[in-house]
Amino acid sequence: MKYEEIPLVNNEAIHNFELIVEGHRAFIDYKKKDDKIYLIHTEVPVELEGKGVASAIVEKAFNYIEENNLKLVPLCVYVASYLKRHPEWSRILAIAPGH
């Protein structure tokens, strides 16, 4: 299934990026401080597992981060593993002080 047509929702009230697929809500929990955005936890409902929803929502979140000139701090294990598979996205990473 392709997810390009499904918009990423930035639900600022609860600090979630959301993707509604087949009536189910996948989300990434985040915190924003200044120009940094901390991706804390990615969750995909059981009904959507194995359909590429997690990678789709992470990619959409990365695009949002880049388009809004934010810097990524990946605290979520899934987000960190996605970055390893897609090193081109390291361009949006916040650089730790002293590096």
PDB file of N, CA and C in Angstrom:
ATOM      1  N   MET A   1       0.841  -1.186   0.000  1.00  0.00           N
ATOM      2  CA  MET A   1       0.000   0.000   0.000  1.00  0.00           C
ATOM      3  C   MET A   1       0.888   1.253   0.000  1.00  0.00           C
ATOM      4  N   LYS A   2       0.449   2.265  -0.717  1.00  0.00           N
ATOM      5  CA  LYS A   2       1.191   3.530  -0.777  1.00  0.00           C
ATOM      6  C   LYS A   2       0.516   4.548   0.140  1.00  0.00           C
ATOM      7  N   TYR A   3       1.347   5.335   0.822  1.00  0.00           N
ATOM      8  CA  TYR A   3       0.813   6.263   1.813  1.00  0.00           C
ATOM      9  C   TYR A   3       1.039   7.721   1.445  1.00  0.00           C
ATOM     10  N   GLU A   4       1.520   7.982   0.224  1.00  0.00           N
ATOM     11  CA  GLU A   4       1.798   9.363  -0.185  1.00  0.00           C
ATOM     12  C   GLU A   4       0.554  10.238  -0.096  1.00  0.00           C
ATOM     13  N   GLU A   5      -0.592   9.658  -0.371  1.00  0.00           N
ATOM     14  CA  GLU A   5      -1.845  10.423  -0.412  1.00  0.00           C
ATOM     15  C   GLU A   5      -2.368  10.772   0.975  1.00  0.00           C
ATOM     16  N   ILE A   6      -1.908  10.056   1.997  1.00  0.00           N
ATOM     17  CA  ILE A   6      -2.442  10.257   3.345  1.00  0.00           C
ATOM     18  C   ILE A   6      -1.629  11.348   4.028  1.00  0.00           C
ATOM     19  N   PRO A   7      -2.288  12.423   4.455  1.00  0.00           N
ATOM     20  CA  PRO A   7      -1.535  13.527   5.070  1.00  0.00           C
ATOM     21  C   PRO A   7      -1.085  13.195   6.488  1.00  0.00           C
ATOM     22  N   LEU A   8       0.091  13.700   6.832  1.00  0.00           N
ATOM     23  CA  LEU A   8       0.574  13.628   8.204  1.00  0.00           C
ATOM     24  C   LEU A   8      -0.135  14.725   8.982  1.00  0.00           C
ATOM     25  N   VAL A   9      -0.696  14.371  10.135  1.00  0.00           N
ATOM     26  CA  VAL A   9      -1.360  15.346  10.983  1.00  0.00           C
ATOM     27  C   VAL A   9      -0.438  15.663  12.153  1.00  0.00           C
ATOM     28  N   ASN A  10      -0.161  16.949  12.353  1.00  0.00           N
ATOM     29  CA  ASN A  10       0.602  17.365  13.521  1.00  0.00           C
ATOM     30  C   ASN A  10      -0.408  17.766  14.584  1.00  0.00           C
ATOM     31  N   ASN A  11      -0.683  16.856  15.499  1.00  0.00           N
ATOM     32  CA  ASN A  11      -1.634  17.111  16.578  1.00  0.00           C
ATOM     33  C   ASN A  11      -0.860  17.742  17.737  1.00  0.00           C
ATOM     34  N   GLU A  12      -0.696  19.065  17.662  1.00  0.00           N
ATOM     35  CA  GLU A  12       0.144  19.773  18.632  1.00  0.00           C
ATOM     36  C   GLU A  12      -0.411  19.696  20.053  1.00  0.00           C
ATOM     37  N   ALA A  13      -1.719  19.575  20.191  1.00  0.00           N
ATOM     38  CA  ALA A  13      -2.329  19.532  21.523  1.00  0.00           C
ATOM     39  C   ALA A  13      -1.817  18.350  22.337  1.00  0.00           C
ATOM     40  N   ILE A  14      -1.567  17.223  21.681  1.00  0.00           N
ATOM     41  CA  ILE A  14      -1.081  16.030  22.398  1.00  0.00           C
ATOM     42  C   ILE A  14       0.329  15.628  21.952  1.00  0.00           C
ATOM     43  N   HIS A  15       1.003  16.500  21.208  1.00  0.00           N
ATOM     44  CA  HIS A  15       2.381  16.261  20.775  1.00  0.00           C
ATOM     45  C   HIS A  15       2.519  14.945  20.015  1.00  0.00           C
ATOM     46  N   ASN A  16       1.672  14.763  19.011  1.00  0.00           N
ATOM     47  CA  ASN A  16       1.724  13.559  18.183  1.00  0.00           C
ATOM     48  C   ASN A  16       1.721  13.930  16.716  1.00  0.00           C
ATOM     49  N   PHE A  17       2.555  13.230  15.934  1.00  0.00           N
ATOM     50  CA  PHE A  17       2.377  13.187  14.490  1.00  0.00           C
ATOM     51  C   PHE A  17       1.485  11.980  14.255  1.00  0.00           C
ATOM     52  N   GLU A  18       0.426  12.146  13.479  1.00  0.00           N
ATOM     53  CA  GLU A  18      -0.547  11.066  13.290  1.00  0.00           C
ATOM     54  C   GLU A  18      -0.720  10.736  11.814  1.00  0.00           C
ATOM     55  N   LEU A  19      -0.962   9.472  11.573  1.00  0.00           N
ATOM     56  CA  LEU A  19      -1.284   8.991  10.234  1.00  0.00           C
ATOM     57  C   LEU A  19      -2.477   8.059  10.403  1.00  0.00           C
ATOM     58  N   ILE A  20      -3.585   8.387   9.754  1.00  0.00           N
ATOM     59  CA  ILE A  20      -4.788   7.554   9.857  1.00  0.00           C
ATOM     60  C   ILE A  20      -4.832   6.666   8.617  1.00  0.00           C
ATOM     61  N   VAL A  21      -4.721   5.355   8.833  1.00  0.00           N
ATOM     62  CA  VAL A  21      -4.696   4.379   7.741  1.00  0.00           C
ATOM     63  C   VAL A  21      -5.782   3.354   7.995  1.00  0.00           C
ATOM     64  N   GLU A  22      -6.664   3.190   7.012  1.00  0.00           N
ATOM     65  CA  GLU A  22      -7.753   2.205   7.111  1.00  0.00           C
ATOM     66  C   GLU A  22      -8.522   2.377   8.431  1.00  0.00           C
ATOM     67  N   GLY A  23      -8.701   3.616   8.869  1.00  0.00           N
ATOM     68  CA  GLY A  23      -9.462   3.888  10.082  1.00  0.00           C
ATOM     69  C   GLY A  23      -8.686   3.696  11.372  1.00  0.00           C
ATOM     70  N   HIS A  24      -7.397   3.355  11.266  1.00  0.00           N
ATOM     71  CA  HIS A  24      -6.572   3.150  12.458  1.00  0.00           C
ATOM     72  C   HIS A  24      -5.546   4.272  12.567  1.00  0.00           C
ATOM     73  N   ARG A  25      -5.209   4.635  13.806  1.00  0.00           N
ATOM     74  CA  ARG A  25      -4.299   5.757  14.066  1.00  0.00           C
ATOM     75  C   ARG A  25      -2.916   5.264  14.456  1.00  0.00           C
ATOM     76  N   ALA A  26      -1.936   5.557  13.609  1.00  0.00           N
ATOM     77  CA  ALA A  26      -0.533   5.353  13.954  1.00  0.00           C
ATOM     78  C   ALA A  26      -0.004   6.711  14.382  1.00  0.00           C
ATOM     79  N   PHE A  27       0.979   6.719  15.293  1.00  0.00           N
ATOM     80  CA  PHE A  27       1.468   8.022  15.742  1.00  0.00           C
ATOM     81  C   PHE A  27       2.917   7.964  16.206  1.00  0.00           C
ATOM     82  N   ILE A  28       3.532   9.139  16.215  1.00  0.00           N
ATOM     83  CA  ILE A  28       4.840   9.335  16.831  1.00  0.00           C
ATOM     84  C   ILE A  28       4.654  10.395  17.912  1.00  0.00           C
ATOM     85  N   ASP A  29       5.021  10.032  19.124  1.00  0.00           N
ATOM     86  CA  ASP A  29       4.975  10.968  20.242  1.00  0.00           C
ATOM     87  C   ASP A  29       6.234  11.822  20.181  1.00  0.00           C
ATOM     88  N   TYR A  30       6.089  13.136  20.319  1.00  0.00           N
ATOM     89  CA  TYR A  30       7.253  14.015  20.249  1.00  0.00           C
ATOM     90  C   TYR A  30       7.183  15.122  21.284  1.00  0.00           C
ATOM     91  N   LYS A  31       8.328  15.721  21.520  1.00  0.00           N
ATOM     92  CA  LYS A  31       8.419  16.947  22.316  1.00  0.00           C
ATOM     93  C   LYS A  31       9.222  17.935  21.489  1.00  0.00           C
ATOM     94  N   LYS A  32       8.848  19.214  21.540  1.00  0.00           N
ATOM     95  CA  LYS A  32       9.547  20.247  20.783  1.00  0.00           C
ATOM     96  C   LYS A  32      10.094  21.267  21.765  1.00  0.00           C
ATOM     97  N   LYS A  33      11.363  21.609  21.593  1.00  0.00           N
ATOM     98  CA  LYS A  33      11.985  22.640  22.422  1.00  0.00           C
ATOM     99  C   LYS A  33      12.868  23.475  21.507  1.00  0.00           C
ATOM    100  N   ASP A  34      12.554  24.758  21.423  1.00  0.00           N
ATOM    101  CA  ASP A  34      13.263  25.676  20.523  1.00  0.00           C
ATOM    102  C   ASP A  34      13.204  25.121  19.104  1.00  0.00           C
ATOM    103  N   ASP A  35      14.378  24.890  18.477  1.00  0.00           N
ATOM    104  CA  ASP A  35      14.355  24.393  17.094  1.00  0.00           C
ATOM    105  C   ASP A  35      14.594  22.885  17.034  1.00  0.00           C
ATOM    106  N   LYS A  36      14.516  22.220  18.192  1.00  0.00           N
ATOM    107  CA  LYS A  36      14.736  20.765  18.220  1.00  0.00           C
ATOM    108  C   LYS A  36      13.414  20.045  18.440  1.00  0.00           C
ATOM    109  N   ILE A  37      13.301  18.900  17.767  1.00  0.00           N
ATOM    110  CA  ILE A  37      12.128  18.055  17.971  1.00  0.00           C
ATOM    111  C   ILE A  37      12.618  16.667  18.362  1.00  0.00           C
ATOM    112  N   TYR A  38      12.114  16.198  19.483  1.00  0.00           N
ATOM    113  CA  TYR A  38      12.518  14.918  20.046  1.00  0.00           C
ATOM    114  C   TYR A  38      11.449  13.888  19.700  1.00  0.00           C
ATOM    115  N   LEU A  39      11.799  12.910  18.858  1.00  0.00           N
ATOM    116  CA  LEU A  39      10.848  11.846  18.533  1.00  0.00           C
ATOM    117  C   LEU A  39      11.029  10.755  19.582  1.00  0.00           C
ATOM    118  N   ILE A  40       9.995  10.556  20.395  1.00  0.00           N
ATOM    119  CA  ILE A  40      10.099   9.743  21.600  1.00  0.00           C
ATOM    120  C   ILE A  40       9.637   8.305  21.378  1.00  0.00           C
ATOM    121  N   HIS A  41       8.518   8.140  20.692  1.00  0.00           N
ATOM    122  CA  HIS A  41       7.924   6.799  20.589  1.00  0.00           C
ATOM    123  C   HIS A  41       7.062   6.710  19.336  1.00  0.00           C
ATOM    124  N   THR A  42       7.244   5.626  18.584  1.00  0.00           N
ATOM    125  CA  THR A  42       6.414   5.362  17.404  1.00  0.00           C
ATOM    126  C   THR A  42       5.498   4.200  17.727  1.00  0.00           C
ATOM    127  N   GLU A  43       4.220   4.365  17.400  1.00  0.00           N
ATOM    128  CA  GLU A  43       3.276   3.286  17.663  1.00  0.00           C
ATOM    129  C   GLU A  43       2.374   3.062  16.462  1.00  0.00           C
ATOM    130  N   VAL A  44       2.272   1.790  16.065  1.00  0.00           N
ATOM    131  CA  VAL A  44       1.414   1.387  14.949  1.00  0.00           C
ATOM    132  C   VAL A  44       0.458   0.327  15.483  1.00  0.00           C
ATOM    133  N   PRO A  45      -0.856   0.488  15.248  1.00  0.00           N
ATOM    134  CA  PRO A  45      -1.805  -0.522  15.735  1.00  0.00           C
ATOM    135  C   PRO A  45      -1.539  -1.893  15.117  1.00  0.00           C
ATOM    136  N   VAL A  46      -1.875  -2.930  15.860  1.00  0.00           N
ATOM    137  CA  VAL A  46      -1.686  -4.313  15.410  1.00  0.00           C
ATOM    138  C   VAL A  46      -2.282  -4.521  14.016  1.00  0.00           C
ATOM    139  N   GLU A  47      -3.421  -3.897  13.768  1.00  0.00           N
ATOM    140  CA  GLU A  47      -4.110  -4.084  12.483  1.00  0.00           C
ATOM    141  C   GLU A  47      -3.268  -3.609  11.287  1.00  0.00           C
ATOM    142  N   LEU A  48      -2.316  -2.717  11.546  1.00  0.00           N
ATOM    143  CA  LEU A  48      -1.513  -2.144  10.458  1.00  0.00           C
ATOM    144  C   LEU A  48      -0.084  -2.675  10.420  1.00  0.00           C
ATOM    145  N   GLU A  49       0.280  -3.541  11.355  1.00  0.00           N
ATOM    146  CA  GLU A  49       1.646  -4.040  11.409  1.00  0.00           C
ATOM    147  C   GLU A  49       2.019  -4.777  10.126  1.00  0.00           C
ATOM    148  N   GLY A  50       3.268  -4.608   9.713  1.00  0.00           N
ATOM    149  CA  GLY A  50       3.768  -5.301   8.527  1.00  0.00           C
ATOM    150  C   GLY A  50       3.341  -4.686   7.209  1.00  0.00           C
ATOM    151  N   LYS A  51       2.724  -3.499   7.252  1.00  0.00           N
ATOM    152  CA  LYS A  51       2.237  -2.861   6.026  1.00  0.00           C
ATOM    153  C   LYS A  51       3.046  -1.627   5.646  1.00  0.00           C
ATOM    154  N   GLY A  52       4.164  -1.398   6.334  1.00  0.00           N
ATOM    155  CA  GLY A  52       5.006  -0.253   6.000  1.00  0.00           C
ATOM    156  C   GLY A  52       4.537   1.068   6.586  1.00  0.00           C
ATOM    157  N   VAL A  53       3.600   1.014   7.523  1.00  0.00           N
ATOM    158  CA  VAL A  53       3.047   2.247   8.090  1.00  0.00           C
ATOM    159  C   VAL A  53       4.084   2.969   8.950  1.00  0.00           C
ATOM    160  N   ALA A  54       4.851   2.233   9.740  1.00  0.00           N
ATOM    161  CA  ALA A  54       5.843   2.869  10.616  1.00  0.00           C
ATOM    162  C   ALA A  54       6.871   3.641   9.788  1.00  0.00           C
ATOM    163  N   SER A  55       7.400   3.022   8.738  1.00  0.00           N
ATOM    164  CA  SER A  55       8.389   3.737   7.928  1.00  0.00           C
ATOM    165  C   SER A  55       7.748   4.920   7.208  1.00  0.00           C
ATOM    166  N   ALA A  56       6.479   4.795   6.809  1.00  0.00           N
ATOM    167  CA  ALA A  56       5.790   5.902   6.133  1.00  0.00           C
ATOM    168  C   ALA A  56       5.619   7.090   7.076  1.00  0.00           C
ATOM    169  N   ILE A  57       5.217   6.841   8.315  1.00  0.00           N
ATOM    170  CA  ILE A  57       5.001   7.957   9.239  1.00  0.00           C
ATOM    171  C   ILE A  57       6.333   8.596   9.627  1.00  0.00           C
ATOM    172  N   VAL A  58       7.390   7.788   9.779  1.00  0.00           N
ATOM    173  CA  VAL A  58       8.706   8.352  10.105  1.00  0.00           C
ATOM    174  C   VAL A  58       9.198   9.229   8.951  1.00  0.00           C
ATOM    175  N   GLU A  59       9.058   8.746   7.731  1.00  0.00           N
ATOM    176  CA  GLU A  59       9.502   9.549   6.583  1.00  0.00           C
ATOM    177  C   GLU A  59       8.713  10.853   6.480  1.00  0.00           C
ATOM    178  N   LYS A  60       7.408  10.778   6.701  1.00  0.00           N
ATOM    179  CA  LYS A  60       6.585  12.000   6.664  1.00  0.00           C
ATOM    180  C   LYS A  60       7.000  12.962   7.783  1.00  0.00           C
ATOM    181  N   ALA A  61       7.291  12.423   8.965  1.00  0.00           N
ATOM    182  CA  ALA A  61       7.738  13.268  10.077  1.00  0.00           C
ATOM    183  C   ALA A  61       9.078  13.923   9.735  1.00  0.00           C
ATOM    184  N   PHE A  62       9.995  13.170   9.125  1.00  0.00           N
ATOM    185  CA  PHE A  62      11.290  13.729   8.732  1.00  0.00           C
ATOM    186  C   PHE A  62      11.100  14.859   7.723  1.00  0.00           C
ATOM    187  N   ASN A  63      10.200  14.667   6.776  1.00  0.00           N
ATOM    188  CA  ASN A  63       9.926  15.729   5.806  1.00  0.00           C
ATOM    189  C   ASN A  63       9.376  16.972   6.504  1.00  0.00           C
ATOM    190  N   TYR A  64       8.467  16.771   7.449  1.00  0.00           N
ATOM    191  CA  TYR A  64       7.912  17.888   8.215  1.00  0.00           C
ATOM    192  C   TYR A  64       9.030  18.624   8.950  1.00  0.00           C
ATOM    193  N   ILE A  65       9.896  17.872   9.611  1.00  0.00           N
ATOM    194  CA  ILE A  65      11.002  18.457  10.371  1.00  0.00           C
ATOM    195  C   ILE A  65      11.885  19.298   9.454  1.00  0.00           C
ATOM    196  N   GLU A  66      12.223  18.743   8.303  1.00  0.00           N
ATOM    197  CA  GLU A  66      13.086  19.468   7.362  1.00  0.00           C
ATOM    198  C   GLU A  66      12.394  20.717   6.818  1.00  0.00           C
ATOM    199  N   GLU A  67      11.141  20.585   6.435  1.00  0.00           N
ATOM    200  CA  GLU A  67      10.393  21.713   5.862  1.00  0.00           C
ATOM    201  C   GLU A  67      10.219  22.856   6.866  1.00  0.00           C
ATOM    202  N   ASN A  68      10.226  22.527   8.151  1.00  0.00           N
ATOM    203  CA  ASN A  68      10.032  23.533   9.196  1.00  0.00           C
ATOM    204  C   ASN A  68      11.341  23.955   9.867  1.00  0.00           C
ATOM    205  N   ASN A  69      12.464  23.611   9.227  1.00  0.00           N
ATOM    206  CA  ASN A  69      13.798  24.000   9.713  1.00  0.00           C
ATOM    207  C   ASN A  69      14.032  23.610  11.168  1.00  0.00           C
ATOM    208  N   LEU A  70      13.565  22.413  11.525  1.00  0.00           N
ATOM    209  CA  LEU A  70      13.793  21.889  12.864  1.00  0.00           C
ATOM    210  C   LEU A  70      14.954  20.900  12.822  1.00  0.00           C
ATOM    211  N   LYS A  71      15.457  20.546  13.981  1.00  0.00           N
ATOM    212  CA  LYS A  71      16.533  19.561  14.093  1.00  0.00           C
ATOM    213  C   LYS A  71      16.028  18.371  14.889  1.00  0.00           C
ATOM    214  N   LEU A  72      16.358  17.183  14.419  1.00  0.00           N
ATOM    215  CA  LEU A  72      15.862  15.933  14.988  1.00  0.00           C
ATOM    216  C   LEU A  72      16.759  15.414  16.110  1.00  0.00           C
ATOM    217  N   VAL A  73      16.109  15.014  17.205  1.00  0.00           N
ATOM    218  CA  VAL A  73      16.771  14.266  18.266  1.00  0.00           C
ATOM    219  C   VAL A  73      16.019  12.932  18.360  1.00  0.00           C
ATOM    220  N   PRO A  74      16.613  11.846  17.845  1.00  0.00           N
ATOM    221  CA  PRO A  74      15.898  10.559  17.791  1.00  0.00           C
ATOM    222  C   PRO A  74      16.015   9.771  19.092  1.00  0.00           C
ATOM    223  N   LEU A  75      14.967   9.800  19.903  1.00  0.00           N
ATOM    224  CA  LEU A  75      14.949   9.035  21.150  1.00  0.00           C
ATOM    225  C   LEU A  75      14.248   7.691  20.965  1.00  0.00           C
ATOM    226  N   CYS A  76      13.454   7.564  19.934  1.00  0.00           N
ATOM    227  CA  CYS A  76      12.707   6.334  19.646  1.00  0.00           C
ATOM    228  C   CYS A  76      13.630   5.309  18.973  1.00  0.00           C
ATOM    229  N   VAL A  77      13.571   4.075  19.445  1.00  0.00           N
ATOM    230  CA  VAL A  77      14.399   2.995  18.887  1.00  0.00           C
ATOM    231  C   VAL A  77      14.084   2.799  17.403  1.00  0.00           C
ATOM    232  N   TYR A  78      12.803   2.832  17.039  1.00  0.00           N
ATOM    233  CA  TYR A  78      12.445   2.627  15.628  1.00  0.00           C
ATOM    234  C   TYR A  78      12.995   3.762  14.763  1.00  0.00           C
ATOM    235  N   VAL A  79      12.864   4.988  15.226  1.00  0.00           N
ATOM    236  CA  VAL A  79      13.373   6.137  14.467  1.00  0.00           C
ATOM    237  C   VAL A  79      14.885   6.011  14.284  1.00  0.00           C
ATOM    238  N   ALA A  80      15.593   5.610  15.334  1.00  0.00           N
ATOM    239  CA  ALA A  80      17.049   5.434  15.253  1.00  0.00           C
ATOM    240  C   ALA A  80      17.408   4.354  14.239  1.00  0.00           C
ATOM    241  N   SER A  81      16.667   3.247  14.220  1.00  0.00           N
ATOM    242  CA  SER A  81      16.967   2.180  13.263  1.00  0.00           C
ATOM    243  C   SER A  81      16.625   2.623  11.836  1.00  0.00           C
ATOM    244  N   TYR A  82      15.577   3.431  11.676  1.00  0.00           N
ATOM    245  CA  TYR A  82      15.233   3.972  10.356  1.00  0.00           C
ATOM    246  C   TYR A  82      16.374   4.856   9.847  1.00  0.00           C
ATOM    247  N   LEU A  83      16.948   5.665  10.735  1.00  0.00           N
ATOM    248  CA  LEU A  83      18.070   6.531  10.355  1.00  0.00           C
ATOM    249  C   LEU A  83      19.270   5.715   9.887  1.00  0.00           C
ATOM    250  N   LYS A  84      19.511   4.570  10.522  1.00  0.00           N
ATOM    251  CA  LYS A  84      20.630   3.709  10.106  1.00  0.00           C
ATOM    252  C   LYS A  84      20.400   3.178   8.699  1.00  0.00           C
ATOM    253  N   ARG A  85      19.149   2.869   8.378  1.00  0.00           N
ATOM    254  CA  ARG A  85      18.819   2.350   7.041  1.00  0.00           C
ATOM    255  C   ARG A  85      18.751   3.454   5.992  1.00  0.00           C
ATOM    256  N   HIS A  86      18.554   4.692   6.438  1.00  0.00           N
ATOM    257  CA  HIS A  86      18.414   5.835   5.525  1.00  0.00           C
ATOM    258  C   HIS A  86      19.339   6.965   5.978  1.00  0.00           C
ATOM    259  N   PRO A  87      20.660   6.773   5.825  1.00  0.00           N
ATOM    260  CA  PRO A  87      21.625   7.751   6.358  1.00  0.00           C
ATOM    261  C   PRO A  87      21.515   9.130   5.715  1.00  0.00           C
ATOM    262  N   GLU A  88      20.840   9.223   4.573  1.00  0.00           N
ATOM    263  CA  GLU A  88      20.672  10.537   3.934  1.00  0.00           C
ATOM    264  C   GLU A  88      19.909  11.504   4.839  1.00  0.00           C
ATOM    265  N   TRP A  89      19.120  10.972   5.763  1.00  0.00           N
ATOM    266  CA  TRP A  89      18.347  11.825   6.674  1.00  0.00           C
ATOM    267  C   TRP A  89      19.196  12.377   7.810  1.00  0.00           C
ATOM    268  N   SER A  90      20.456  11.970   7.912  1.00  0.00           N
ATOM    269  CA  SER A  90      21.305  12.501   8.985  1.00  0.00           C
ATOM    270  C   SER A  90      21.453  14.021   8.854  1.00  0.00           C
ATOM    271  N   ARG A  91      21.098  14.554   7.691  1.00  0.00           N
ATOM    272  CA  ARG A  91      21.170  16.013   7.490  1.00  0.00           C
ATOM    273  C   ARG A  91      20.247  16.798   8.412  1.00  0.00           C
ATOM    274  N   ILE A  92      19.220  16.147   8.973  1.00  0.00           N
ATOM    275  CA  ILE A  92      18.303  16.876   9.861  1.00  0.00           C
ATOM    276  C   ILE A  92      18.604  16.639  11.341  1.00  0.00           C
ATOM    277  N   LEU A  93      19.643  15.870  11.630  1.00  0.00           N
ATOM    278  CA  LEU A  93      19.977  15.566  13.026  1.00  0.00           C
ATOM    279  C   LEU A  93      20.512  16.790  13.751  1.00  0.00           C
ATOM    280  N   ALA A  94      20.114  16.931  15.001  1.00  0.00           N
ATOM    281  CA  ALA A  94      20.720  17.946  15.876  1.00  0.00           C
ATOM    282  C   ALA A  94      22.101  17.422  16.256  1.00  0.00           C
ATOM    283  N   ILE A  95      23.076  18.273  16.181  1.00  0.00           N
ATOM    284  CA  ILE A  95      24.429  17.859  16.550  1.00  0.00           C
ATOM    285  C   ILE A  95      24.623  18.110  18.042  1.00  0.00           C
ATOM    286  N   ALA A  96      25.057  17.100  18.733  1.00  0.00           N
ATOM    287  CA  ALA A  96      25.267  17.227  20.177  1.00  0.00           C
ATOM    288  C   ALA A  96      26.389  18.235  20.443  1.00  0.00           C
ATOM    289  N   PRO A  97      26.298  18.978  21.523  1.00  0.00           N
ATOM    290  CA  PRO A  97      27.349  19.950  21.858  1.00  0.00           C
ATOM    291  C   PRO A  97      28.708  19.254  21.933  1.00  0.00           C
ATOM    292  N   GLY A  98      29.716  19.910  21.398  1.00  0.00           N
ATOM    293  CA  GLY A  98      31.058  19.368  21.441  1.00  0.00           C
ATOM    294  C   GLY A  98      31.391  18.422  20.308  1.00  0.00           C
ATOM    295  N   HIS A  99      30.468  18.240  19.351  1.00  0.00           N
ATOM    296  CA  HIS A  99      30.737  17.363  18.210  1.00  0.00           C
ATOM    297  C   HIS A  99      30.858  18.168  16.934  1.00  0.00           C
TER     298      HIS A  99
END
